[in-house]
Amino acid sequence: MSIDSSLLKNYTRSQLALRNGSDREEIWCAYQGIIYDVSASRLWRNGKHYEHWAGQDLTAELVDAPHADWVFTRFPAVGRLV
């Protein structure tokens, strides 16, 4: 995945946490410092995807997922986690 993160807006962990699918319509999660909008995915309804929750950095959790990081290429990058 090649994303020019310098073009993305910076968000803190607190700001990311607000996009958890329950407080706002946006459902976002971060992976390797990039924040992705997963709102369009039916698998992320209500901000939960199996045992994973939106609004947080999922980098460490991807190790246990049945897929690799290619899954994030399906979603638009909306920010950079700082």
C-alpha atoms as a PDB file:
ATOM      1  CA  MET A   1       0.000   0.000   0.000  1.00  0.00           C
ATOM      2  CA  SER A   2       1.409   3.350  -0.978  1.00  0.00           C
ATOM      3  CA  ILE A   3      -0.317   6.398   0.468  1.00  0.00           C
ATOM      4  CA  ASP A   4       1.165   9.883   0.548  1.00  0.00           C
ATOM      5  CA  SER A   5       0.330  10.573   4.178  1.00  0.00           C
ATOM      6  CA  SER A   6       1.555  14.172   3.895  1.00  0.00           C
ATOM      7  CA  LEU A   7      -1.696  14.938   2.037  1.00  0.00           C
ATOM      8  CA  LEU A   8      -3.858  13.628   4.889  1.00  0.00           C
ATOM      9  CA  LYS A   9      -5.250  15.584   7.826  1.00  0.00           C
ATOM     10  CA  ASN A  10      -3.852  14.723  11.276  1.00  0.00           C
ATOM     11  CA  TYR A  11      -6.128  13.204  13.919  1.00  0.00           C
ATOM     12  CA  THR A  12      -5.403  12.290  17.518  1.00  0.00           C
ATOM     13  CA  ARG A  13      -6.455   9.020  19.155  1.00  0.00           C
ATOM     14  CA  SER A  14      -9.239  10.946  20.916  1.00  0.00           C
ATOM     15  CA  GLN A  15     -10.556  12.263  17.609  1.00  0.00           C
ATOM     16  CA  LEU A  16     -10.361   8.794  16.072  1.00  0.00           C
ATOM     17  CA  ALA A  17     -12.283   7.354  19.026  1.00  0.00           C
ATOM     18  CA  LEU A  18     -15.243   9.625  18.177  1.00  0.00           C
ATOM     19  CA  ARG A  19     -15.611   7.846  14.825  1.00  0.00           C
ATOM     20  CA  ASN A  20     -16.573   4.519  16.385  1.00  0.00           C
ATOM     21  CA  GLY A  21     -19.942   4.072  14.712  1.00  0.00           C
ATOM     22  CA  SER A  22     -22.039   4.982  17.727  1.00  0.00           C
ATOM     23  CA  ASP A  23     -21.312   8.667  18.331  1.00  0.00           C
ATOM     24  CA  ARG A  24     -21.258   9.728  14.675  1.00  0.00           C
ATOM     25  CA  GLU A  25     -22.036   8.219  11.306  1.00  0.00           C
ATOM     26  CA  GLU A  26     -18.362   7.828  10.463  1.00  0.00           C
ATOM     27  CA  ILE A  27     -16.791   4.473  11.174  1.00  0.00           C
ATOM     28  CA  TRP A  28     -13.025   4.829  11.118  1.00  0.00           C
ATOM     29  CA  CYS A  29     -10.089   2.696  12.175  1.00  0.00           C
ATOM     30  CA  ALA A  30      -6.343   3.139  11.920  1.00  0.00           C
ATOM     31  CA  TYR A  31      -3.669   0.814  10.616  1.00  0.00           C
ATOM     32  CA  GLN A  32       0.043   1.643  10.645  1.00  0.00           C
ATOM     33  CA  GLY A  33      -0.601   5.328  11.270  1.00  0.00           C
ATOM     34  CA  ILE A  34      -3.211   5.779   8.520  1.00  0.00           C
ATOM     35  CA  ILE A  35      -6.901   6.231   9.305  1.00  0.00           C
ATOM     36  CA  TYR A  36      -9.404   4.514   7.011  1.00  0.00           C
ATOM     37  CA  ASP A  37     -13.119   5.144   6.606  1.00  0.00           C
ATOM     38  CA  VAL A  38     -14.809   1.728   6.783  1.00  0.00           C
ATOM     39  CA  SER A  39     -18.350   3.168   6.975  1.00  0.00           C
ATOM     40  CA  ALA A  40     -19.378   1.648   3.640  1.00  0.00           C
ATOM     41  CA  SER A  41     -18.581  -1.894   4.742  1.00  0.00           C
ATOM     42  CA  ARG A  42     -21.528  -3.989   5.875  1.00  0.00           C
ATOM     43  CA  LEU A  43     -19.030  -5.896   8.039  1.00  0.00           C
ATOM     44  CA  TRP A  44     -18.444  -2.812  10.191  1.00  0.00           C
ATOM     45  CA  ARG A  45     -22.087  -2.022  10.997  1.00  0.00           C
ATOM     46  CA  ASN A  46     -22.452  -0.313  14.375  1.00  0.00           C
ATOM     47  CA  GLY A  47     -18.659   0.024  14.608  1.00  0.00           C
ATOM     48  CA  LYS A  48     -17.933  -3.629  15.368  1.00  0.00           C
ATOM     49  CA  HIS A  49     -16.283  -6.221  13.145  1.00  0.00           C
ATOM     50  CA  TYR A  50     -16.128  -9.598  14.874  1.00  0.00           C
ATOM     51  CA  GLU A  51     -14.065  -8.887  18.020  1.00  0.00           C
ATOM     52  CA  HIS A  52     -12.645  -5.605  16.677  1.00  0.00           C
ATOM     53  CA  TRP A  53     -14.019  -2.157  17.450  1.00  0.00           C
ATOM     54  CA  ALA A  54     -13.857   0.946  15.271  1.00  0.00           C
ATOM     55  CA  GLY A  55     -12.463   4.219  16.539  1.00  0.00           C
ATOM     56  CA  GLN A  56      -9.079   2.749  17.404  1.00  0.00           C
ATOM     57  CA  ASP A  57      -5.733   1.656  16.014  1.00  0.00           C
ATOM     58  CA  LEU A  58      -6.020  -1.938  14.786  1.00  0.00           C
ATOM     59  CA  THR A  59      -2.356  -2.406  13.826  1.00  0.00           C
ATOM     60  CA  ALA A  60      -1.575  -4.904  16.596  1.00  0.00           C
ATOM     61  CA  GLU A  61      -4.859  -6.768  16.101  1.00  0.00           C
ATOM     62  CA  LEU A  62      -4.299  -7.510  12.403  1.00  0.00           C
ATOM     63  CA  VAL A  63      -1.920 -10.321  13.352  1.00  0.00           C
ATOM     64  CA  ASP A  64      -4.933 -12.377  14.488  1.00  0.00           C
ATOM     65  CA  ALA A  65      -7.131 -11.515  11.478  1.00  0.00           C
ATOM     66  CA  PRO A  66      -7.856 -14.062   8.733  1.00  0.00           C
ATOM     67  CA  HIS A  67      -6.673 -11.543   6.109  1.00  0.00           C
ATOM     68  CA  ALA A  68      -3.607  -9.372   5.533  1.00  0.00           C
ATOM     69  CA  ASP A  69      -3.228  -5.618   5.288  1.00  0.00           C
ATOM     70  CA  TRP A  70      -4.467  -5.646   1.681  1.00  0.00           C
ATOM     71  CA  VAL A  71      -7.968  -5.355   3.131  1.00  0.00           C
ATOM     72  CA  PHE A  72      -7.349  -1.655   3.775  1.00  0.00           C
ATOM     73  CA  THR A  73      -6.924  -0.983   0.048  1.00  0.00           C
ATOM     74  CA  ARG A  74     -10.717  -1.322  -0.183  1.00  0.00           C
ATOM     75  CA  PHE A  75     -11.279   1.765   1.949  1.00  0.00           C
ATOM     76  CA  PRO A  76     -10.430   5.441   1.527  1.00  0.00           C
ATOM     77  CA  ALA A  77      -7.650   6.856   3.672  1.00  0.00           C
ATOM     78  CA  VAL A  78      -9.050   9.886   5.498  1.00  0.00           C
ATOM     79  CA  GLY A  79      -6.301  10.886   7.891  1.00  0.00           C
ATOM     80  CA  ARG A  80      -3.076  10.280   9.698  1.00  0.00           C
ATOM     81  CA  LEU A  81      -2.966   9.154  13.338  1.00  0.00           C
ATOM     82  CA  VAL A  82      -0.683  11.385  15.387  1.00  0.00           C
END
